[in-house]
């Protein structure tokens, strides 16, 4: 029995460009959060406001990836990772919003988990995109009649 992994289902339909763009935007945004927070703590505390603003904006790619994975059939294989992203994002916001220092101290660790999960999702999206290209190049040309 030839099984196809869910992330490689219906390759002929491709991966929507907006889905791939969100998959790239999420880890780039989370990485920028680490850089901005570091600069904010060590150089200019005003940057912590930018850190919060970008953190709020990162809800859009997280929700967009989950919405795409759960509403577009060929993207359903990304559902687990998209759900993990949303869950980690919500935990991240909760850790940052609370006044309890112990919880706030877990904010960077959860951010690292969020970055790792977003990189896994990105790798899966890019694997799907490269598999589409590989399947297109191995398909023999059809003879014209």
C-alpha atoms as a PDB file:
ATOM      1  CA  UNK A   1       0.000   0.000   0.000  1.00  0.00           C
ATOM      2  CA  UNK A   2       1.445   3.353  -1.059  1.00  0.00           C
ATOM      3  CA  UNK A   3       0.774   5.953   1.629  1.00  0.00           C
ATOM      4  CA  UNK A   4       1.327   9.659   1.178  1.00  0.00           C
ATOM      5  CA  UNK A   5       2.104  11.821   4.182  1.00  0.00           C
ATOM      6  CA  UNK A   6      -0.657  14.337   4.855  1.00  0.00           C
ATOM      7  CA  UNK A   7       1.619  17.301   4.178  1.00  0.00           C
ATOM      8  CA  UNK A   8       2.247  15.918   0.695  1.00  0.00           C
ATOM      9  CA  UNK A   9      -1.419  15.344  -0.178  1.00  0.00           C
ATOM     10  CA  UNK A  10      -2.725  16.726  -3.459  1.00  0.00           C
ATOM     11  CA  UNK A  11       0.629  18.104  -4.596  1.00  0.00           C
ATOM     12  CA  UNK A  12      -0.768  18.926  -8.027  1.00  0.00           C
ATOM     13  CA  UNK A  13      -2.785  21.716  -6.385  1.00  0.00           C
ATOM     14  CA  UNK A  14       0.328  23.287  -4.881  1.00  0.00           C
ATOM     15  CA  UNK A  15       0.735  25.292  -1.711  1.00  0.00           C
ATOM     16  CA  UNK A  16      -0.959  28.691  -1.561  1.00  0.00           C
ATOM     17  CA  UNK A  17       1.635  31.460  -1.672  1.00  0.00           C
ATOM     18  CA  UNK A  18       0.029  33.217   1.296  1.00  0.00           C
ATOM     19  CA  UNK A  19       0.407  30.029   3.375  1.00  0.00           C
ATOM     20  CA  UNK A  20       4.099  29.738   2.488  1.00  0.00           C
ATOM     21  CA  UNK A  21       4.592  33.458   3.210  1.00  0.00           C
ATOM     22  CA  UNK A  22       3.006  33.101   6.659  1.00  0.00           C
ATOM     23  CA  UNK A  23       5.166  30.037   7.314  1.00  0.00           C
ATOM     24  CA  UNK A  24       8.257  32.189   6.605  1.00  0.00           C
ATOM     25  CA  UNK A  25       6.952  35.209   8.498  1.00  0.00           C
ATOM     26  CA  UNK A  26       6.349  33.351  11.766  1.00  0.00           C
ATOM     27  CA  UNK A  27       9.921  32.199  12.540  1.00  0.00           C
ATOM     28  CA  UNK A  28      11.357  35.464  11.188  1.00  0.00           C
ATOM     29  CA  UNK A  29       9.060  37.410  13.503  1.00  0.00           C
ATOM     30  CA  UNK A  30       9.804  35.245  16.535  1.00  0.00           C
ATOM     31  CA  UNK A  31      13.559  35.504  15.904  1.00  0.00           C
ATOM     32  CA  UNK A  32      13.248  39.271  15.618  1.00  0.00           C
ATOM     33  CA  UNK A  33      11.514  39.211  19.005  1.00  0.00           C
ATOM     34  CA  UNK A  34      14.609  37.680  20.589  1.00  0.00           C
ATOM     35  CA  UNK A  35      16.841  40.324  19.006  1.00  0.00           C
ATOM     36  CA  UNK A  36      14.578  43.252  19.925  1.00  0.00           C
ATOM     37  CA  UNK A  37      14.097  42.011  23.501  1.00  0.00           C
ATOM     38  CA  UNK A  38      17.856  41.645  23.906  1.00  0.00           C
ATOM     39  CA  UNK A  39      18.464  45.147  22.600  1.00  0.00           C
ATOM     40  CA  UNK A  40      15.629  46.408  24.800  1.00  0.00           C
ATOM     41  CA  UNK A  41      17.100  44.869  27.938  1.00  0.00           C
ATOM     42  CA  UNK A  42      20.718  45.773  27.240  1.00  0.00           C
ATOM     43  CA  UNK A  43      20.673  48.960  25.152  1.00  0.00           C
ATOM     44  CA  UNK A  44      17.401  50.859  24.990  1.00  0.00           C
ATOM     45  CA  UNK A  45      14.382  49.998  27.176  1.00  0.00           C
ATOM     46  CA  UNK A  46      12.116  51.852  24.697  1.00  0.00           C
ATOM     47  CA  UNK A  47      12.535  48.888  22.354  1.00  0.00           C
ATOM     48  CA  UNK A  48      10.479  46.743  24.716  1.00  0.00           C
ATOM     49  CA  UNK A  49       7.390  48.588  23.449  1.00  0.00           C
ATOM     50  CA  UNK A  50       8.296  47.503  19.911  1.00  0.00           C
ATOM     51  CA  UNK A  51       8.763  43.983  21.247  1.00  0.00           C
ATOM     52  CA  UNK A  52       5.193  44.020  22.552  1.00  0.00           C
ATOM     53  CA  UNK A  53       3.794  45.471  19.338  1.00  0.00           C
ATOM     54  CA  UNK A  54       5.485  42.893  17.119  1.00  0.00           C
ATOM     55  CA  UNK A  55       4.384  40.191  19.529  1.00  0.00           C
ATOM     56  CA  UNK A  56       0.777  41.276  19.050  1.00  0.00           C
ATOM     57  CA  UNK A  57       1.157  41.328  15.264  1.00  0.00           C
ATOM     58  CA  UNK A  58       2.493  37.751  15.313  1.00  0.00           C
ATOM     59  CA  UNK A  59      -1.017  36.601  16.155  1.00  0.00           C
ATOM     60  CA  UNK A  60      -1.889  37.129  12.474  1.00  0.00           C
ATOM     61  CA  UNK A  61       0.481  34.547  10.950  1.00  0.00           C
ATOM     62  CA  UNK A  62      -0.242  32.066  13.740  1.00  0.00           C
ATOM     63  CA  UNK A  63      -3.998  32.329  13.227  1.00  0.00           C
ATOM     64  CA  UNK A  64      -3.633  32.435   9.432  1.00  0.00           C
ATOM     65  CA  UNK A  65      -1.586  29.232   9.381  1.00  0.00           C
ATOM     66  CA  UNK A  66      -4.098  27.469  11.624  1.00  0.00           C
ATOM     67  CA  UNK A  67      -7.047  28.722   9.574  1.00  0.00           C
ATOM     68  CA  UNK A  68      -5.425  27.543   6.351  1.00  0.00           C
ATOM     69  CA  UNK A  69      -4.512  24.158   7.796  1.00  0.00           C
ATOM     70  CA  UNK A  70      -8.018  23.549   9.092  1.00  0.00           C
ATOM     71  CA  UNK A  71     -10.020  24.912   6.154  1.00  0.00           C
ATOM     72  CA  UNK A  72      -8.024  23.880   3.076  1.00  0.00           C
ATOM     73  CA  UNK A  73      -8.122  20.126   2.651  1.00  0.00           C
ATOM     74  CA  UNK A  74      -4.699  19.706   1.048  1.00  0.00           C
ATOM     75  CA  UNK A  75      -3.089  21.581   3.967  1.00  0.00           C
ATOM     76  CA  UNK A  76      -4.648  19.476   6.719  1.00  0.00           C
ATOM     77  CA  UNK A  77      -1.319  17.742   7.384  1.00  0.00           C
ATOM     78  CA  UNK A  78      -0.046  21.003   8.836  1.00  0.00           C
ATOM     79  CA  UNK A  79      -2.907  21.154  11.347  1.00  0.00           C
ATOM     80  CA  UNK A  80      -1.019  19.721  14.325  1.00  0.00           C
ATOM     81  CA  UNK A  81       1.910  22.079  13.956  1.00  0.00           C
ATOM     82  CA  UNK A  82      -0.342  25.058  13.293  1.00  0.00           C
ATOM     83  CA  UNK A  83      -2.365  24.221  16.420  1.00  0.00           C
ATOM     84  CA  UNK A  84       0.851  23.914  18.439  1.00  0.00           C
ATOM     85  CA  UNK A  85       1.899  27.357  17.159  1.00  0.00           C
ATOM     86  CA  UNK A  86      -1.369  28.921  18.258  1.00  0.00           C
ATOM     87  CA  UNK A  87      -1.212  27.208  21.655  1.00  0.00           C
ATOM     88  CA  UNK A  88       2.393  28.302  22.250  1.00  0.00           C
ATOM     89  CA  UNK A  89       1.540  31.818  21.089  1.00  0.00           C
ATOM     90  CA  UNK A  90      -1.356  32.031  23.563  1.00  0.00           C
ATOM     91  CA  UNK A  91       0.889  30.761  26.363  1.00  0.00           C
ATOM     92  CA  UNK A  92       3.484  33.355  25.317  1.00  0.00           C
ATOM     93  CA  UNK A  93       0.984  36.192  25.591  1.00  0.00           C
ATOM     94  CA  UNK A  94      -0.264  34.865  28.918  1.00  0.00           C
ATOM     95  CA  UNK A  95       3.254  34.658  30.319  1.00  0.00           C
ATOM     96  CA  UNK A  96       4.034  38.219  29.246  1.00  0.00           C
ATOM     97  CA  UNK A  97       0.737  39.682  30.457  1.00  0.00           C
ATOM     98  CA  UNK A  98       0.925  38.413  34.000  1.00  0.00           C
ATOM     99  CA  UNK A  99       2.464  40.398  36.872  1.00  0.00           C
ATOM    100  CA  UNK A 100       4.093  37.298  38.387  1.00  0.00           C
ATOM    101  CA  UNK A 101       7.901  37.364  37.862  1.00  0.00           C
ATOM    102  CA  UNK A 102       8.202  33.566  37.891  1.00  0.00           C
ATOM    103  CA  UNK A 103       5.811  33.304  34.940  1.00  0.00           C
ATOM    104  CA  UNK A 104       7.497  36.165  33.123  1.00  0.00           C
ATOM    105  CA  UNK A 105      10.821  34.351  33.513  1.00  0.00           C
ATOM    106  CA  UNK A 106       9.371  31.484  31.447  1.00  0.00           C
ATOM    107  CA  UNK A 107       8.569  33.869  28.569  1.00  0.00           C
ATOM    108  CA  UNK A 108      11.964  33.406  26.807  1.00  0.00           C
ATOM    109  CA  UNK A 109      11.843  29.614  27.169  1.00  0.00           C
ATOM    110  CA  UNK A 110       8.373  29.478  25.662  1.00  0.00           C
ATOM    111  CA  UNK A 111       9.599  31.840  22.935  1.00  0.00           C
ATOM    112  CA  UNK A 112      12.309  29.303  22.097  1.00  0.00           C
ATOM    113  CA  UNK A 113       9.671  26.572  21.835  1.00  0.00           C
ATOM    114  CA  UNK A 114       7.586  28.863  19.618  1.00  0.00           C
ATOM    115  CA  UNK A 115      10.593  29.481  17.370  1.00  0.00           C
ATOM    116  CA  UNK A 116      11.359  25.756  17.149  1.00  0.00           C
ATOM    117  CA  UNK A 117       7.751  24.855  16.308  1.00  0.00           C
ATOM    118  CA  UNK A 118       7.553  27.588  13.665  1.00  0.00           C
ATOM    119  CA  UNK A 119      10.790  26.335  12.086  1.00  0.00           C
ATOM    120  CA  UNK A 120       9.428  22.770  11.971  1.00  0.00           C
ATOM    121  CA  UNK A 121       6.261  24.016  10.269  1.00  0.00           C
ATOM    122  CA  UNK A 122       8.332  26.057   7.815  1.00  0.00           C
ATOM    123  CA  UNK A 123      10.481  23.001   7.006  1.00  0.00           C
ATOM    124  CA  UNK A 124       7.345  20.958   6.335  1.00  0.00           C
ATOM    125  CA  UNK A 125       5.887  23.661   4.079  1.00  0.00           C
ATOM    126  CA  UNK A 126       9.143  23.953   2.131  1.00  0.00           C
ATOM    127  CA  UNK A 127       9.348  20.152   1.859  1.00  0.00           C
ATOM    128  CA  UNK A 128       5.887  20.159   0.310  1.00  0.00           C
ATOM    129  CA  UNK A 129       6.848  22.946  -2.097  1.00  0.00           C
ATOM    130  CA  UNK A 130      10.051  21.159  -3.171  1.00  0.00           C
ATOM    131  CA  UNK A 131       8.177  17.856  -3.561  1.00  0.00           C
ATOM    132  CA  UNK A 132       5.722  19.601  -5.901  1.00  0.00           C
ATOM    133  CA  UNK A 133       8.623  20.829  -8.028  1.00  0.00           C
ATOM    134  CA  UNK A 134      10.234  17.383  -8.023  1.00  0.00           C
ATOM    135  CA  UNK A 135       7.001  15.649  -9.012  1.00  0.00           C
ATOM    136  CA  UNK A 136       6.461  18.151 -11.836  1.00  0.00           C
ATOM    137  CA  UNK A 137       9.965  17.588 -13.222  1.00  0.00           C
ATOM    138  CA  UNK A 138       9.641  13.780 -13.145  1.00  0.00           C
ATOM    139  CA  UNK A 139       6.303  13.712 -14.919  1.00  0.00           C
ATOM    140  CA  UNK A 140       6.891  12.700 -18.540  1.00  0.00           C
ATOM    141  CA  UNK A 141       5.622  15.151 -21.146  1.00  0.00           C
ATOM    142  CA  UNK A 142       2.353  14.204 -22.794  1.00  0.00           C
ATOM    143  CA  UNK A 143       2.380  13.575 -26.515  1.00  0.00           C
ATOM    144  CA  UNK A 144       0.245  15.914 -28.542  1.00  0.00           C
ATOM    145  CA  UNK A 145      -2.300  14.332 -30.843  1.00  0.00           C
END
